[in-house]
Amino acid sequence: MPLDKSIRKFSGGEVYFWIEQGSSIHLKAVSGTDPVELSSKETREIAKALLDLAVELEALDKT
């Protein structure tokens, strides 16, 4: 996992994702042994951020 600002964090740091080696999006959801619970607002924010990251990844693929 990259240790820089490219990591997007949500839900108090329980959900995060990043572009790995310019080729794929890695997503991690961690909340002890319980599932990560998301509000509708958090879900929309994550969905938008993932779509934005997909656009960024597509741009990397074109270079």
Protein backbone atom coordinates (compact mmCIF):
# COMPACT_ATOMS: atom_id res chain seq x y z
CA MET A 1 0.00 0.00 0.00
CA PRO A 2 1.37 3.44 -0.87
CA LEU A 3 2.25 5.68 2.05
CA ASP A 4 1.30 8.97 0.45
CA LYS A 5 -1.60 11.27 -0.30
CA SER A 6 -2.92 8.97 -3.04
CA ILE A 7 -4.84 6.94 -0.44
CA ARG A 8 -8.50 7.96 -0.14
CA LYS A 9 -9.93 7.29 3.34
CA PHE A 10 -13.57 7.15 4.41
CA SER A 11 -15.73 6.10 7.34
CA GLY A 12 -13.19 7.16 9.95
CA GLY A 13 -10.39 5.31 8.15
CA GLU A 14 -12.24 1.98 8.02
CA VAL A 15 -12.56 2.14 4.22
CA TYR A 16 -9.68 3.18 2.01
CA PHE A 17 -8.47 2.70 -1.53
CA TRP A 18 -5.69 3.69 -3.88
CA ILE A 19 -4.23 3.04 -7.32
CA GLU A 20 -1.63 0.29 -7.12
CA GLN A 21 1.31 0.41 -9.54
CA GLY A 22 -0.75 2.39 -12.04
CA SER A 23 -2.71 -0.71 -13.02
CA SER A 24 -5.55 -1.36 -10.57
CA ILE A 25 -7.59 0.04 -7.71
CA HIS A 26 -7.04 -1.63 -4.35
CA LEU A 27 -9.83 -1.28 -1.78
CA LYS A 28 -9.63 -2.24 1.88
CA ALA A 29 -12.47 -2.20 4.43
CA VAL A 30 -11.40 -2.96 7.99
CA SER A 31 -13.47 -2.78 11.16
CA GLY A 32 -12.20 -5.41 13.58
CA THR A 33 -14.40 -8.45 13.24
CA ASP A 34 -17.56 -6.49 12.41
CA PRO A 35 -18.60 -5.36 8.94
CA VAL A 36 -17.99 -1.73 8.03
CA GLU A 37 -21.24 0.20 8.33
CA LEU A 38 -21.84 3.08 5.93
CA SER A 39 -24.47 5.78 5.91
CA SER A 40 -26.10 6.69 2.61
CA LYS A 41 -23.96 9.85 2.52
CA GLU A 42 -20.73 7.88 3.06
CA THR A 43 -21.79 5.38 0.40
CA ARG A 44 -22.35 8.16 -2.13
CA GLU A 45 -19.00 9.78 -1.25
CA ILE A 46 -17.18 6.47 -1.69
CA ALA A 47 -18.97 5.74 -4.97
CA LYS A 48 -18.03 9.18 -6.34
CA ALA A 49 -14.42 8.83 -5.19
CA LEU A 50 -14.16 5.38 -6.80
CA LEU A 51 -15.54 6.72 -10.07
CA ASP A 52 -13.04 9.60 -9.93
CA LEU A 53 -10.24 7.13 -9.26
CA ALA A 54 -11.39 4.99 -12.21
CA VAL A 55 -11.09 8.05 -14.46
CA GLU A 56 -7.59 8.67 -13.08
CA LEU A 57 -6.66 5.03 -13.72
CA GLU A 58 -7.99 5.22 -17.29
CA ALA A 59 -5.84 8.32 -17.87
CA LEU A 60 -2.79 6.40 -16.64
CA ASP A 61 -3.60 3.56 -19.05
CA LYS A 62 -3.52 6.00 -21.97
CA THR A 63 0.01 7.21 -21.19
